[in-house]
Amino acid sequence: MFGRERISKACLRHLHIRGGELMQIDPVCGKRINPNKAHIRIDHEGTAYYLCCPMCQSLFEKDPKKYIKKTNGHRRRKTS
Protein backbone atom coordinates (compact mmCIF):
# COMPACT_ATOMS: atom_id res chain seq x y z
CA MET A 1 0.00 0.00 0.00
CA PHE A 2 2.71 2.47 0.94
CA GLY A 3 5.73 1.06 -0.84
CA ARG A 4 8.77 1.21 1.39
CA GLU A 5 7.19 3.29 4.15
CA ARG A 6 6.63 1.59 7.48
CA ILE A 7 3.68 2.02 9.78
CA SER A 8 3.91 1.04 13.45
CA LYS A 9 1.47 -1.48 14.88
CA ALA A 10 0.11 1.19 17.22
CA CYS A 11 -0.73 3.44 14.27
CA LEU A 12 -2.35 0.61 12.32
CA ARG A 13 -4.97 0.23 15.04
CA HIS A 14 -6.10 3.81 14.41
CA LEU A 15 -6.08 3.85 10.62
CA HIS A 16 -9.25 3.11 8.72
CA ILE A 17 -9.65 0.77 5.79
CA ARG A 18 -12.45 1.44 3.32
CA GLY A 19 -12.92 -0.63 0.20
CA GLY A 20 -9.52 -2.27 0.70
CA GLU A 21 -7.72 1.09 0.83
CA LEU A 22 -6.00 2.50 3.90
CA MET A 23 -7.54 5.82 4.91
CA GLN A 24 -5.91 8.67 6.83
CA ILE A 25 -7.78 11.17 8.98
CA ASP A 26 -7.83 14.90 8.22
CA PRO A 27 -6.53 16.31 11.54
CA VAL A 28 -8.70 19.44 11.22
CA CYS A 29 -12.17 18.10 10.44
CA GLY A 30 -11.78 14.35 11.00
CA LYS A 31 -12.79 13.36 7.47
CA ARG A 32 -11.33 10.11 6.11
CA ILE A 33 -8.84 10.72 3.30
CA ASN A 34 -7.34 8.24 0.85
CA PRO A 35 -3.65 9.27 0.86
CA ASN A 36 -3.20 7.95 -2.69
CA LYS A 37 -5.89 10.31 -3.98
CA ALA A 38 -5.40 13.26 -1.61
CA HIS A 39 -5.04 16.66 -3.25
CA ILE A 40 -3.51 18.30 -0.18
CA ARG A 41 -0.59 16.81 1.70
CA ILE A 42 1.46 18.78 4.21
CA ASP A 43 4.71 17.50 5.67
CA HIS A 44 5.19 18.91 9.14
CA GLU A 45 8.18 17.91 11.29
CA GLY A 46 8.68 14.68 9.33
CA THR A 47 5.04 13.57 9.34
CA ALA A 48 2.63 13.63 6.41
CA TYR A 49 -0.82 15.09 7.05
CA TYR A 50 -3.64 14.76 4.49
CA LEU A 51 -6.28 17.45 4.31
CA CYS A 52 -9.62 17.43 2.51
CA CYS A 53 -9.86 21.04 1.35
CA PRO A 54 -8.09 24.42 1.20
CA MET A 55 -10.00 25.62 4.28
CA CYS A 56 -8.63 22.75 6.40
CA GLN A 57 -5.19 23.39 4.91
CA SER A 58 -5.35 27.06 5.91
CA LEU A 59 -6.43 26.24 9.47
CA PHE A 60 -3.72 23.59 9.82
CA GLU A 61 -1.00 25.90 8.49
CA LYS A 62 -2.01 28.69 10.92
CA ASP A 63 -1.69 26.46 14.01
CA PRO A 64 -0.45 22.94 13.24
CA LYS A 65 0.23 22.10 16.90
CA LYS A 66 -3.45 22.58 17.69
CA TYR A 67 -4.38 19.86 15.21
CA ILE A 68 -1.40 17.60 15.87
CA LYS A 69 -2.46 17.41 19.52
CA LYS A 70 -5.97 16.56 18.34
CA THR A 71 -4.66 13.39 16.68
CA ASN A 72 -2.77 12.44 19.88
CA GLY A 73 -0.03 10.72 17.91
CA HIS A 74 -2.40 8.55 15.89
CA ARG A 75 -3.83 8.60 12.39
CA ARG A 76 -0.66 10.07 10.98
CA ARG A 77 1.90 8.61 8.66
CA LYS A 78 5.62 9.21 9.08
CA THR A 79 7.38 10.36 5.95
CA SER A 80 10.58 8.67 4.86
PDB file of N, CA and C in Angstrom:
ATOM      1  N   MET A   1       0.802  -1.200   0.000  1.00  0.00           N
ATOM      2  CA  MET A   1       0.000   0.000   0.000  1.00  0.00           C
ATOM      3  C   MET A   1       0.845   1.264   0.000  1.00  0.00           C
ATOM      4  N   PHE A   2       1.909   1.269   0.815  1.00  0.00           N
ATOM      5  CA  PHE A   2       2.706   2.475   0.937  1.00  0.00           C
ATOM      6  C   PHE A   2       4.133   2.276   0.465  1.00  0.00           C
ATOM      7  N   GLY A   3       4.383   1.254  -0.352  1.00  0.00           N
ATOM      8  CA  GLY A   3       5.735   1.057  -0.839  1.00  0.00           C
ATOM      9  C   GLY A   3       6.671   0.733   0.300  1.00  0.00           C
ATOM     10  N   ARG A   4       7.744   1.491   0.396  1.00  0.00           N
ATOM     11  CA  ARG A   4       8.774   1.211   1.393  1.00  0.00           C
ATOM     12  C   ARG A   4       8.518   1.857   2.747  1.00  0.00           C
ATOM     13  N   GLU A   5       7.474   2.634   2.872  1.00  0.00           N
ATOM     14  CA  GLU A   5       7.193   3.291   4.147  1.00  0.00           C
ATOM     15  C   GLU A   5       6.689   2.271   5.157  1.00  0.00           C
ATOM     16  N   ARG A   6       7.031   2.501   6.421  1.00  0.00           N
ATOM     17  CA  ARG A   6       6.629   1.593   7.479  1.00  0.00           C
ATOM     18  C   ARG A   6       5.612   2.289   8.386  1.00  0.00           C
ATOM     19  N   ILE A   7       4.681   1.497   8.860  1.00  0.00           N
ATOM     20  CA  ILE A   7       3.680   2.018   9.784  1.00  0.00           C
ATOM     21  C   ILE A   7       3.747   1.162  11.045  1.00  0.00           C
ATOM     22  N   SER A   8       3.823   1.788  12.192  1.00  0.00           N
ATOM     23  CA  SER A   8       3.910   1.044  13.450  1.00  0.00           C
ATOM     24  C   SER A   8       2.594   0.322  13.728  1.00  0.00           C
ATOM     25  N   LYS A   9       2.677  -0.734  14.519  1.00  0.00           N
ATOM     26  CA  LYS A   9       1.470  -1.481  14.883  1.00  0.00           C
ATOM     27  C   LYS A   9       0.480  -0.596  15.628  1.00  0.00           C
ATOM     28  N   ALA A  10       0.996   0.293  16.473  1.00  0.00           N
ATOM     29  CA  ALA A  10       0.108   1.193  17.217  1.00  0.00           C
ATOM     30  C   ALA A  10      -0.683   2.074  16.270  1.00  0.00           C
ATOM     31  N   CYS A  11      -0.032   2.586  15.233  1.00  0.00           N
ATOM     32  CA  CYS A  11      -0.731   3.440  14.271  1.00  0.00           C
ATOM     33  C   CYS A  11      -1.747   2.647  13.466  1.00  0.00           C
ATOM     34  N   LEU A  12      -1.427   1.414  13.121  1.00  0.00           N
ATOM     35  CA  LEU A  12      -2.348   0.610  12.321  1.00  0.00           C
ATOM     36  C   LEU A  12      -3.695   0.427  13.015  1.00  0.00           C
ATOM     37  N   ARG A  13      -3.701   0.394  14.330  1.00  0.00           N
ATOM     38  CA  ARG A  13      -4.967   0.232  15.044  1.00  0.00           C
ATOM     39  C   ARG A  13      -5.877   1.434  14.850  1.00  0.00           C
ATOM     40  N   HIS A  14      -5.317   2.578  14.497  1.00  0.00           N
ATOM     41  CA  HIS A  14      -6.101   3.808  14.406  1.00  0.00           C
ATOM     42  C   HIS A  14      -6.343   4.270  12.973  1.00  0.00           C
ATOM     43  N   LEU A  15      -5.838   3.512  12.020  1.00  0.00           N
ATOM     44  CA  LEU A  15      -6.083   3.850  10.625  1.00  0.00           C
ATOM     45  C   LEU A  15      -7.354   3.141  10.180  1.00  0.00           C
ATOM     46  N   HIS A  16      -7.987   3.666   9.188  1.00  0.00           N
ATOM     47  CA  HIS A  16      -9.247   3.111   8.718  1.00  0.00           C
ATOM     48  C   HIS A  16      -9.061   2.520   7.332  1.00  0.00           C
ATOM     49  N   ILE A  17      -9.703   1.389   7.102  1.00  0.00           N
ATOM     50  CA  ILE A  17      -9.655   0.766   5.786  1.00  0.00           C
ATOM     51  C   ILE A  17     -11.057   0.818   5.208  1.00  0.00           C
ATOM     52  N   ARG A  18     -11.159   1.340   4.000  1.00  0.00           N
ATOM     53  CA  ARG A  18     -12.450   1.441   3.323  1.00  0.00           C
ATOM     54  C   ARG A  18     -12.253   0.916   1.905  1.00  0.00           C
ATOM     55  N   GLY A  19     -13.022  -0.084   1.538  1.00  0.00           N
ATOM     56  CA  GLY A  19     -12.919  -0.635   0.196  1.00  0.00           C
ATOM     57  C   GLY A  19     -11.533  -1.179  -0.111  1.00  0.00           C
ATOM     58  N   GLY A  20     -10.849  -1.714   0.903  1.00  0.00           N
ATOM     59  CA  GLY A  20      -9.519  -2.268   0.703  1.00  0.00           C
ATOM     60  C   GLY A  20      -8.410  -1.234   0.687  1.00  0.00           C
ATOM     61  N   GLU A  21      -8.730   0.038   0.847  1.00  0.00           N
ATOM     62  CA  GLU A  21      -7.716   1.095   0.830  1.00  0.00           C
ATOM     63  C   GLU A  21      -7.555   1.681   2.227  1.00  0.00           C
ATOM     64  N   LEU A  22      -6.306   1.904   2.607  1.00  0.00           N
ATOM     65  CA  LEU A  22      -5.997   2.500   3.901  1.00  0.00           C
ATOM     66  C   LEU A  22      -6.348   3.974   3.869  1.00  0.00           C
ATOM     67  N   MET A  23      -7.098   4.428   4.853  1.00  0.00           N
ATOM     68  CA  MET A  23      -7.537   5.815   4.909  1.00  0.00           C
ATOM     69  C   MET A  23      -6.817   6.541   6.040  1.00  0.00           C
ATOM     70  N   GLN A  24      -6.480   7.796   5.810  1.00  0.00           N
ATOM     71  CA  GLN A  24      -5.911   8.668   6.830  1.00  0.00           C
ATOM     72  C   GLN A  24      -7.016   9.606   7.307  1.00  0.00           C
ATOM     73  N   ILE A  25      -6.791  10.260   8.421  1.00  0.00           N
ATOM     74  CA  ILE A  25      -7.779  11.174   8.982  1.00  0.00           C
ATOM     75  C   ILE A  25      -7.290  12.610   8.841  1.00  0.00           C
ATOM     76  N   ASP A  26      -8.134  13.473   8.279  1.00  0.00           N
ATOM     77  CA  ASP A  26      -7.825  14.900   8.216  1.00  0.00           C
ATOM     78  C   ASP A  26      -7.786  15.388   9.664  1.00  0.00           C
ATOM     79  N   PRO A  27      -6.636  15.914  10.135  1.00  0.00           N
ATOM     80  CA  PRO A  27      -6.530  16.310  11.542  1.00  0.00           C
ATOM     81  C   PRO A  27      -7.398  17.512  11.916  1.00  0.00           C
ATOM     82  N   VAL A  28      -7.884  18.253  10.934  1.00  0.00           N
ATOM     83  CA  VAL A  28      -8.698  19.440  11.215  1.00  0.00           C
ATOM     84  C   VAL A  28     -10.167  19.065  11.385  1.00  0.00           C
ATOM     85  N   CYS A  29     -10.727  18.381  10.408  1.00  0.00           N
ATOM     86  CA  CYS A  29     -12.171  18.099  10.443  1.00  0.00           C
ATOM     87  C   CYS A  29     -12.519  16.644  10.750  1.00  0.00           C
ATOM     88  N   GLY A  30     -11.527  15.748  10.698  1.00  0.00           N
ATOM     89  CA  GLY A  30     -11.777  14.349  11.003  1.00  0.00           C
ATOM     90  C   GLY A  30     -12.245  13.507   9.832  1.00  0.00           C
ATOM     91  N   LYS A  31     -12.338  14.091   8.651  1.00  0.00           N
ATOM     92  CA  LYS A  31     -12.785  13.361   7.469  1.00  0.00           C
ATOM     93  C   LYS A  31     -11.750  12.309   7.081  1.00  0.00           C
ATOM     94  N   ARG A  32     -12.218  11.170   6.590  1.00  0.00           N
ATOM     95  CA  ARG A  32     -11.326  10.115   6.107  1.00  0.00           C
ATOM     96  C   ARG A  32     -10.807  10.489   4.723  1.00  0.00           C
ATOM     97  N   ILE A  33      -9.500  10.343   4.550  1.00  0.00           N
ATOM     98  CA  ILE A  33      -8.841  10.725   3.304  1.00  0.00           C
ATOM     99  C   ILE A  33      -8.040   9.542   2.774  1.00  0.00           C
ATOM    100  N   ASN A  34      -8.194   9.239   1.496  1.00  0.00           N
ATOM    101  CA  ASN A  34      -7.343   8.241   0.849  1.00  0.00           C
ATOM    102  C   ASN A  34      -6.034   8.937   0.493  1.00  0.00           C
ATOM    103  N   PRO A  35      -4.906   8.569   1.120  1.00  0.00           N
ATOM    104  CA  PRO A  35      -3.648   9.270   0.860  1.00  0.00           C
ATOM    105  C   PRO A  35      -3.175   9.156  -0.583  1.00  0.00           C
ATOM    106  N   ASN A  36      -3.591   8.108  -1.289  1.00  0.00           N
ATOM    107  CA  ASN A  36      -3.198   7.947  -2.690  1.00  0.00           C
ATOM    108  C   ASN A  36      -3.960   8.882  -3.622  1.00  0.00           C
ATOM    109  N   LYS A  37      -5.074   9.424  -3.147  1.00  0.00           N
ATOM    110  CA  LYS A  37      -5.890  10.312  -3.977  1.00  0.00           C
ATOM    111  C   LYS A  37      -5.995  11.724  -3.402  1.00  0.00           C
ATOM    112  N   ALA A  38      -5.308  11.961  -2.286  1.00  0.00           N
ATOM    113  CA  ALA A  38      -5.396  13.263  -1.612  1.00  0.00           C
ATOM    114  C   ALA A  38      -4.825  14.375  -2.482  1.00  0.00           C
ATOM    115  N   HIS A  39      -5.515  15.498  -2.505  1.00  0.00           N
ATOM    116  CA  HIS A  39      -5.042  16.663  -3.252  1.00  0.00           C
ATOM    117  C   HIS A  39      -4.142  17.536  -2.398  1.00  0.00           C
ATOM    118  N   ILE A  40      -4.296  17.450  -1.076  1.00  0.00           N
ATOM    119  CA  ILE A  40      -3.512  18.300  -0.180  1.00  0.00           C
ATOM    120  C   ILE A  40      -2.768  17.425   0.819  1.00  0.00           C
ATOM    121  N   ARG A  41      -1.459  17.519   0.763  1.00  0.00           N
ATOM    122  CA  ARG A  41      -0.587  16.815   1.705  1.00  0.00           C
ATOM    123  C   ARG A  41       0.390  17.843   2.254  1.00  0.00           C
ATOM    124  N   ILE A  42       0.515  17.876   3.563  1.00  0.00           N
ATOM    125  CA  ILE A  42       1.465  18.777   4.210  1.00  0.00           C
ATOM    126  C   ILE A  42       2.417  17.925   5.029  1.00  0.00           C
ATOM    127  N   ASP A  43       3.704  18.149   4.846  1.00  0.00           N
ATOM    128  CA  ASP A  43       4.713  17.496   5.668  1.00  0.00           C
ATOM    129  C   ASP A  43       5.105  18.470   6.763  1.00  0.00           C
ATOM    130  N   HIS A  44       4.877  18.056   7.989  1.00  0.00           N
ATOM    131  CA  HIS A  44       5.192  18.912   9.140  1.00  0.00           C
ATOM    132  C   HIS A  44       6.029  18.106  10.120  1.00  0.00           C
ATOM    133  N   GLU A  45       7.257  18.560  10.358  1.00  0.00           N
ATOM    134  CA  GLU A  45       8.180  17.909  11.288  1.00  0.00           C
ATOM    135  C   GLU A  45       8.307  16.418  11.002  1.00  0.00           C
ATOM    136  N   GLY A  46       8.440  16.060   9.725  1.00  0.00           N
ATOM    137  CA  GLY A  46       8.675  14.677   9.329  1.00  0.00           C
ATOM    138  C   GLY A  46       7.455  13.789   9.253  1.00  0.00           C
ATOM    139  N   THR A  47       6.275  14.351   9.406  1.00  0.00           N
ATOM    140  CA  THR A  47       5.042  13.573   9.342  1.00  0.00           C
ATOM    141  C   THR A  47       4.146  14.133   8.249  1.00  0.00           C
ATOM    142  N   ALA A  48       3.546  13.230   7.473  1.00  0.00           N
ATOM    143  CA  ALA A  48       2.627  13.632   6.409  1.00  0.00           C
ATOM    144  C   ALA A  48       1.216  13.752   6.976  1.00  0.00           C
ATOM    145  N   TYR A  49       0.573  14.856   6.659  1.00  0.00           N
ATOM    146  CA  TYR A  49      -0.820  15.093   7.047  1.00  0.00           C
ATOM    147  C   TYR A  49      -1.616  15.300   5.769  1.00  0.00           C
ATOM    148  N   TYR A  50      -2.787  14.667   5.667  1.00  0.00           N
ATOM    149  CA  TYR A  50      -3.638  14.761   4.494  1.00  0.00           C
ATOM    150  C   TYR A  50      -4.866  15.572   4.863  1.00  0.00           C
ATOM    151  N   LEU A  51      -5.169  16.538   4.028  1.00  0.00           N
ATOM    152  CA  LEU A  51      -6.280  17.449   4.309  1.00  0.00           C
ATOM    153  C   LEU A  51      -7.282  17.406   3.163  1.00  0.00           C
ATOM    154  N   CYS A  52      -8.552  17.605   3.498  1.00  0.00           N
ATOM    155  CA  CYS A  52      -9.620  17.426   2.512  1.00  0.00           C
ATOM    156  C   CYS A  52      -9.875  18.647   1.637  1.00  0.00           C
ATOM    157  N   CYS A  53      -9.514  19.844   2.114  1.00  0.00           N
ATOM    158  CA  CYS A  53      -9.864  21.042   1.354  1.00  0.00           C
ATOM    159  C   CYS A  53      -8.942  22.203   1.720  1.00  0.00           C
ATOM    160  N   PRO A  54      -8.933  23.251   0.902  1.00  0.00           N
ATOM    161  CA  PRO A  54      -8.094  24.422   1.200  1.00  0.00           C
ATOM    162  C   PRO A  54      -8.409  25.081   2.545  1.00  0.00           C
ATOM    163  N   MET A  55      -9.663  25.025   2.995  1.00  0.00           N
ATOM    164  CA  MET A  55      -9.999  25.625   4.282  1.00  0.00           C
ATOM    165  C   MET A  55      -9.296  24.875   5.420  1.00  0.00           C
ATOM    166  N   CYS A  56      -9.330  23.539   5.384  1.00  0.00           N
ATOM    167  CA  CYS A  56      -8.629  22.750   6.405  1.00  0.00           C
ATOM    168  C   CYS A  56      -7.123  22.980   6.312  1.00  0.00           C
ATOM    169  N   GLN A  57      -6.615  23.112   5.094  1.00  0.00           N
ATOM    170  CA  GLN A  57      -5.195  23.388   4.905  1.00  0.00           C
ATOM    171  C   GLN A  57      -4.814  24.713   5.566  1.00  0.00           C
ATOM    172  N   SER A  58      -5.615  25.737   5.345  1.00  0.00           N
ATOM    173  CA  SER A  58      -5.351  27.057   5.910  1.00  0.00           C
ATOM    174  C   SER A  58      -5.357  27.015   7.438  1.00  0.00           C
ATOM    175  N   LEU A  59      -6.342  26.349   8.016  1.00  0.00           N
ATOM    176  CA  LEU A  59      -6.428  26.236   9.471  1.00  0.00           C
ATOM    177  C   LEU A  59      -5.233  25.473  10.031  1.00  0.00           C
ATOM    178  N   PHE A  60      -4.857  24.389   9.364  1.00  0.00           N
ATOM    179  CA  PHE A  60      -3.717  23.593   9.819  1.00  0.00           C
ATOM    180  C   PHE A  60      -2.427  24.403   9.755  1.00  0.00           C
ATOM    181  N   GLU A  61      -2.231  25.119   8.657  1.00  0.00           N
ATOM    182  CA  GLU A  61      -1.004  25.901   8.488  1.00  0.00           C
ATOM    183  C   GLU A  61      -0.903  27.043   9.505  1.00  0.00           C
ATOM    184  N   LYS A  62      -2.029  27.598   9.933  1.00  0.00           N
ATOM    185  CA  LYS A  62      -2.014  28.685  10.923  1.00  0.00           C
ATOM    186  C   LYS A  62      -1.588  28.196  12.305  1.00  0.00           C
ATOM    187  N   ASP A  63      -1.992  26.983  12.670  1.00  0.00           N
ATOM    188  CA  ASP A  63      -1.692  26.465  14.010  1.00  0.00           C
ATOM    189  C   ASP A  63      -1.595  24.934  13.978  1.00  0.00           C
ATOM    190  N   PRO A  64      -0.542  24.400  13.365  1.00  0.00           N
ATOM    191  CA  PRO A  64      -0.446  22.942  13.239  1.00  0.00           C
ATOM    192  C   PRO A  64      -0.444  22.208  14.577  1.00  0.00           C
ATOM    193  N   LYS A  65       0.165  22.790  15.605  1.00  0.00           N
ATOM    194  CA  LYS A  65       0.232  22.101  16.901  1.00  0.00           C
ATOM    195  C   LYS A  65      -1.155  21.859  17.496  1.00  0.00           C
ATOM    196  N   LYS A  66      -2.076  22.747  17.215  1.00  0.00           N
ATOM    197  CA  LYS A  66      -3.451  22.576  17.694  1.00  0.00           C
ATOM    198  C   LYS A  66      -4.048  21.286  17.134  1.00  0.00           C
ATOM    199  N   TYR A  67      -3.787  21.021  15.870  1.00  0.00           N
ATOM    200  CA  TYR A  67      -4.377  19.862  15.207  1.00  0.00           C
ATOM    201  C   TYR A  67      -3.541  18.608  15.387  1.00  0.00           C
ATOM    202  N   ILE A  68      -2.247  18.764  15.594  1.00  0.00           N
ATOM    203  CA  ILE A  68      -1.404  17.601  15.870  1.00  0.00           C
ATOM    204  C   ILE A  68      -1.787  17.019  17.225  1.00  0.00           C
ATOM    205  N   LYS A  69      -2.015  17.875  18.209  1.00  0.00           N
ATOM    206  CA  LYS A  69      -2.457  17.408  19.523  1.00  0.00           C
ATOM    207  C   LYS A  69      -3.785  16.675  19.408  1.00  0.00           C
ATOM    208  N   LYS A  70      -4.644  17.156  18.533  1.00  0.00           N
ATOM    209  CA  LYS A  70      -5.968  16.564  18.345  1.00  0.00           C
ATOM    210  C   LYS A  70      -5.858  15.095  17.934  1.00  0.00           C
ATOM    211  N   THR A  71      -4.831  14.762  17.142  1.00  0.00           N
ATOM    212  CA  THR A  71      -4.660  13.386  16.685  1.00  0.00           C
ATOM    213  C   THR A  71      -3.982  12.528  17.732  1.00  0.00           C
ATOM    214  N   ASN A  72      -3.374  13.155  18.764  1.00  0.00           N
ATOM    215  CA  ASN A  72      -2.768  12.438  19.883  1.00  0.00           C
ATOM    216  C   ASN A  72      -1.784  11.364  19.433  1.00  0.00           C
ATOM    217  N   GLY A  73      -1.043  11.652  18.365  1.00  0.00           N
ATOM    218  CA  GLY A  73      -0.029  10.716  17.908  1.00  0.00           C
ATOM    219  C   GLY A  73      -0.550   9.601  17.032  1.00  0.00           C
ATOM    220  N   HIS A  74      -1.816   9.611  16.701  1.00  0.00           N
ATOM    221  CA  HIS A  74      -2.403   8.551  15.887  1.00  0.00           C
ATOM    222  C   HIS A  74      -2.921   9.131  14.575  1.00  0.00           C
ATOM    223  N   ARG A  75      -3.238   8.234  13.678  1.00  0.00           N
ATOM    224  CA  ARG A  75      -3.832   8.602  12.395  1.00  0.00           C
ATOM    225  C   ARG A  75      -2.920   9.504  11.574  1.00  0.00           C
ATOM    226  N   ARG A  76      -1.630   9.313  11.761  1.00  0.00           N
ATOM    227  CA  ARG A  76      -0.658  10.069  10.984  1.00  0.00           C
ATOM    228  C   ARG A  76       0.304   9.078  10.363  1.00  0.00           C
ATOM    229  N   ARG A  77       0.959   9.481   9.335  1.00  0.00           N
ATOM    230  CA  ARG A  77       1.904   8.614   8.655  1.00  0.00           C
ATOM    231  C   ARG A  77       3.247   9.305   8.609  1.00  0.00           C
ATOM    232  N   LYS A  78       4.274   8.646   9.122  1.00  0.00           N
ATOM    233  CA  LYS A  78       5.621   9.206   9.083  1.00  0.00           C
ATOM    234  C   LYS A  78       6.107   9.223   7.644  1.00  0.00           C
ATOM    235  N   THR A  79       6.796  10.291   7.278  1.00  0.00           N
ATOM    236  CA  THR A  79       7.383  10.360   5.949  1.00  0.00           C
ATOM    237  C   THR A  79       8.778   9.781   6.010  1.00  0.00           C
ATOM    238  N   SER A  80       9.241   9.274   4.884  1.00  0.00           N
ATOM    239  CA  SER A  80      10.579   8.666   4.861  1.00  0.00           C
ATOM    240  C   SER A  80      11.667   9.689   4.723  1.00  0.00           C
TER     241      SER A  80
END
